[in-house]
Amino acid sequence: MITTVQPQKDEMTTLEALWVIIQSQSKSVRKALTERLLSEYKKTEAQQQMVKESLTRAFDELHSGKVHHDARNLFQK
């Protein structure tokens, strides 16, 4: 069987180098890494959802007239 070899690049990006390292790990290490990445992704999604809900609630209160104070003074000492 004849195989072709792709010419080597002079430089490898950080992402490509990381991918090569990940591919060279055992299946259990790759699985653990995948689980950790998914866990971090879910945390990020949860934080984004919390911010979205908080902003939505704040704008709803603002538009309904429930907020009467000047927000520019909230963080003054």
N, C-alpha and C. Protein backbone atom coordinates (compact mmCIF):
# COMPACT_ATOMS: atom_id res chain seq x y z
N MET A 1 0.84 -1.16 0.00
CA MET A 1 0.00 0.00 0.00
C MET A 1 0.89 1.24 0.00
N ILE A 2 0.50 2.21 -0.77
CA ILE A 2 1.26 3.45 -0.88
C ILE A 2 0.60 4.50 0.02
N THR A 3 1.40 5.15 0.81
CA THR A 3 0.89 6.23 1.65
C THR A 3 1.60 7.51 1.27
N THR A 4 0.86 8.58 1.37
CA THR A 4 1.46 9.88 1.08
C THR A 4 1.72 10.60 2.40
N VAL A 5 2.77 11.34 2.42
CA VAL A 5 3.14 12.07 3.62
C VAL A 5 2.94 13.55 3.34
N GLN A 6 2.23 14.20 4.26
CA GLN A 6 2.01 15.63 4.13
C GLN A 6 3.30 16.36 4.50
N PRO A 7 3.64 17.39 3.74
CA PRO A 7 4.84 18.14 4.11
C PRO A 7 4.69 18.79 5.47
N GLN A 8 5.76 18.79 6.25
CA GLN A 8 5.75 19.37 7.58
C GLN A 8 5.72 20.89 7.49
N LYS A 9 4.94 21.51 8.37
CA LYS A 9 4.95 22.96 8.46
C LYS A 9 6.20 23.37 9.25
N ASP A 10 6.66 24.59 9.01
CA ASP A 10 7.80 25.08 9.76
C ASP A 10 7.43 25.36 11.21
N GLU A 11 6.21 25.83 11.43
CA GLU A 11 5.76 26.16 12.78
C GLU A 11 4.42 25.50 13.07
N MET A 12 4.21 25.22 14.33
CA MET A 12 2.96 24.62 14.77
C MET A 12 2.29 25.60 15.72
N THR A 13 0.99 25.77 15.56
CA THR A 13 0.28 26.66 16.47
C THR A 13 0.17 26.02 17.85
N THR A 14 -0.13 26.83 18.83
CA THR A 14 -0.30 26.32 20.19
C THR A 14 -1.44 25.31 20.25
N LEU A 15 -2.51 25.61 19.54
CA LEU A 15 -3.66 24.70 19.52
C LEU A 15 -3.29 23.36 18.89
N GLU A 16 -2.54 23.39 17.80
CA GLU A 16 -2.12 22.13 17.16
C GLU A 16 -1.22 21.32 18.09
N ALA A 17 -0.31 21.99 18.79
CA ALA A 17 0.59 21.30 19.72
C ALA A 17 -0.20 20.67 20.86
N LEU A 18 -1.18 21.41 21.38
CA LEU A 18 -2.03 20.87 22.45
C LEU A 18 -2.81 19.66 21.96
N TRP A 19 -3.31 19.74 20.74
CA TRP A 19 -4.08 18.62 20.18
C TRP A 19 -3.20 17.37 20.04
N VAL A 20 -1.97 17.55 19.62
CA VAL A 20 -1.05 16.42 19.50
C VAL A 20 -0.80 15.79 20.86
N ILE A 21 -0.63 16.62 21.88
CA ILE A 21 -0.41 16.11 23.23
C ILE A 21 -1.64 15.35 23.72
N ILE A 22 -2.82 15.89 23.48
CA ILE A 22 -4.05 15.23 23.91
C ILE A 22 -4.21 13.89 23.21
N GLN A 23 -3.97 13.86 21.92
CA GLN A 23 -4.11 12.62 21.16
C GLN A 23 -3.15 11.54 21.63
N SER A 24 -2.01 11.93 22.15
CA SER A 24 -1.02 10.94 22.57
C SER A 24 -1.31 10.37 23.96
N GLN A 25 -2.32 10.87 24.66
CA GLN A 25 -2.64 10.40 26.00
C GLN A 25 -3.48 9.12 25.93
N SER A 26 -3.52 8.42 27.05
CA SER A 26 -4.31 7.20 27.12
C SER A 26 -5.79 7.54 27.06
N LYS A 27 -6.60 6.54 26.78
CA LYS A 27 -8.05 6.75 26.68
C LYS A 27 -8.63 7.27 27.99
N SER A 28 -8.16 6.76 29.11
CA SER A 28 -8.69 7.20 30.41
C SER A 28 -8.35 8.67 30.67
N VAL A 29 -7.17 9.11 30.28
CA VAL A 29 -6.79 10.51 30.46
C VAL A 29 -7.62 11.40 29.55
N ARG A 30 -7.81 10.97 28.30
CA ARG A 30 -8.64 11.76 27.37
C ARG A 30 -10.07 11.85 27.87
N LYS A 31 -10.59 10.75 28.44
CA LYS A 31 -11.95 10.76 28.97
C LYS A 31 -12.05 11.72 30.15
N ALA A 32 -11.07 11.68 31.05
CA ALA A 32 -11.08 12.57 32.22
C ALA A 32 -11.00 14.03 31.78
N LEU A 33 -10.18 14.30 30.78
CA LEU A 33 -10.06 15.66 30.26
C LEU A 33 -11.37 16.12 29.64
N THR A 34 -12.01 15.25 28.88
CA THR A 34 -13.30 15.57 28.27
C THR A 34 -14.34 15.88 29.34
N GLU A 35 -14.40 15.06 30.38
CA GLU A 35 -15.36 15.29 31.45
C GLU A 35 -15.10 16.63 32.15
N ARG A 36 -13.85 16.94 32.35
CA ARG A 36 -13.52 18.21 33.01
C ARG A 36 -13.88 19.40 32.14
N LEU A 37 -13.59 19.30 30.84
CA LEU A 37 -13.94 20.38 29.92
C LEU A 37 -15.45 20.58 29.87
N LEU A 38 -16.20 19.50 29.82
CA LEU A 38 -17.66 19.60 29.80
C LEU A 38 -18.18 20.22 31.10
N SER A 39 -17.58 19.86 32.22
CA SER A 39 -17.97 20.42 33.51
C SER A 39 -17.74 21.93 33.53
N GLU A 40 -16.58 22.36 33.06
CA GLU A 40 -16.28 23.79 33.01
C GLU A 40 -17.23 24.52 32.06
N TYR A 41 -17.56 23.89 30.94
CA TYR A 41 -18.48 24.48 29.98
C TYR A 41 -19.87 24.67 30.61
N LYS A 42 -20.32 23.65 31.35
CA LYS A 42 -21.63 23.74 32.01
C LYS A 42 -21.63 24.85 33.06
N LYS A 43 -20.52 25.01 33.81
CA LYS A 43 -20.43 26.09 34.79
C LYS A 43 -20.53 27.44 34.10
N THR A 44 -19.83 27.57 32.98
CA THR A 44 -19.85 28.83 32.24
C THR A 44 -21.25 29.13 31.73
N GLU A 45 -21.92 28.11 31.20
CA GLU A 45 -23.29 28.30 30.73
C GLU A 45 -24.22 28.72 31.87
N ALA A 46 -24.05 28.11 33.04
CA ALA A 46 -24.88 28.45 34.19
C ALA A 46 -24.65 29.90 34.62
N GLN A 47 -23.39 30.33 34.61
CA GLN A 47 -23.07 31.71 34.97
C GLN A 47 -23.67 32.68 33.96
N GLN A 48 -23.56 32.34 32.69
CA GLN A 48 -24.13 33.21 31.66
C GLN A 48 -25.65 33.31 31.80
N GLN A 49 -26.30 32.20 32.11
CA GLN A 49 -27.75 32.19 32.30
C GLN A 49 -28.14 33.05 33.50
N MET A 50 -27.35 32.97 34.58
CA MET A 50 -27.64 33.76 35.77
C MET A 50 -27.52 35.26 35.46
N VAL A 51 -26.51 35.64 34.72
CA VAL A 51 -26.34 37.05 34.35
C VAL A 51 -27.50 37.50 33.47
N LYS A 52 -27.89 36.65 32.52
CA LYS A 52 -29.00 36.98 31.63
C LYS A 52 -30.29 37.20 32.42
N GLU A 53 -30.56 36.28 33.35
CA GLU A 53 -31.77 36.41 34.15
C GLU A 53 -31.73 37.66 35.03
N SER A 54 -30.57 37.95 35.59
CA SER A 54 -30.43 39.13 36.44
C SER A 54 -30.65 40.41 35.65
N LEU A 55 -30.05 40.48 34.47
CA LEU A 55 -30.23 41.67 33.63
C LEU A 55 -31.67 41.80 33.16
N THR A 56 -32.28 40.68 32.80
CA THR A 56 -33.68 40.71 32.37
C THR A 56 -34.57 41.23 33.48
N ARG A 57 -34.35 40.72 34.70
CA ARG A 57 -35.13 41.17 35.85
C ARG A 57 -34.91 42.66 36.11
N ALA A 58 -33.66 43.10 36.03
CA ALA A 58 -33.35 44.52 36.27
C ALA A 58 -34.03 45.41 35.24
N PHE A 59 -33.98 45.02 33.97
CA PHE A 59 -34.62 45.84 32.94
C PHE A 59 -36.14 45.81 33.07
N ASP A 60 -36.70 44.66 33.46
CA ASP A 60 -38.15 44.59 33.69
C ASP A 60 -38.56 45.54 34.81
N GLU A 61 -37.78 45.56 35.89
CA GLU A 61 -38.07 46.47 37.00
C GLU A 61 -37.94 47.92 36.56
N LEU A 62 -36.93 48.20 35.77
CA LEU A 62 -36.70 49.56 35.29
C LEU A 62 -37.87 50.03 34.42
N HIS A 63 -38.29 49.17 33.49
CA HIS A 63 -39.37 49.54 32.57
C HIS A 63 -40.74 49.60 33.26
N SER A 64 -40.90 48.85 34.35
CA SER A 64 -42.18 48.88 35.05
C SER A 64 -42.26 50.04 36.04
N GLY A 65 -41.16 50.75 36.22
CA GLY A 65 -41.15 51.90 37.10
C GLY A 65 -40.89 51.57 38.56
N LYS A 66 -40.45 50.35 38.85
CA LYS A 66 -40.19 49.96 40.23
C LYS A 66 -38.87 50.53 40.75
N VAL A 67 -38.02 50.98 39.85
CA VAL A 67 -36.72 51.52 40.26
C VAL A 67 -36.79 53.03 40.15
N HIS A 68 -36.57 53.72 41.28
CA HIS A 68 -36.68 55.17 41.29
C HIS A 68 -35.37 55.87 41.63
N HIS A 69 -34.36 55.12 42.03
CA HIS A 69 -33.10 55.75 42.44
C HIS A 69 -32.19 55.98 41.23
N ASP A 70 -31.19 56.81 41.44
CA ASP A 70 -30.22 57.13 40.41
C ASP A 70 -29.10 56.08 40.49
N ALA A 71 -29.02 55.22 39.51
CA ALA A 71 -28.05 54.13 39.52
C ALA A 71 -26.61 54.63 39.48
N ARG A 72 -26.39 55.87 39.08
CA ARG A 72 -25.03 56.39 39.03
C ARG A 72 -24.44 56.53 40.43
N ASN A 73 -25.27 56.58 41.45
CA ASN A 73 -24.79 56.76 42.82
C ASN A 73 -24.65 55.45 43.60
N LEU A 74 -24.89 54.32 42.97
CA LEU A 74 -24.88 53.04 43.69
C LEU A 74 -23.52 52.69 44.26
N PHE A 75 -22.45 53.01 43.56
CA PHE A 75 -21.12 52.56 43.97
C PHE A 75 -20.24 53.68 44.49
N GLN A 76 -20.81 54.77 44.84
CA GLN A 76 -20.02 55.86 45.42
C GLN A 76 -19.80 55.60 46.89
N LYS A 77 -18.65 56.04 47.39
CA LYS A 77 -18.30 55.84 48.80
C LYS A 77 -18.98 56.85 49.68
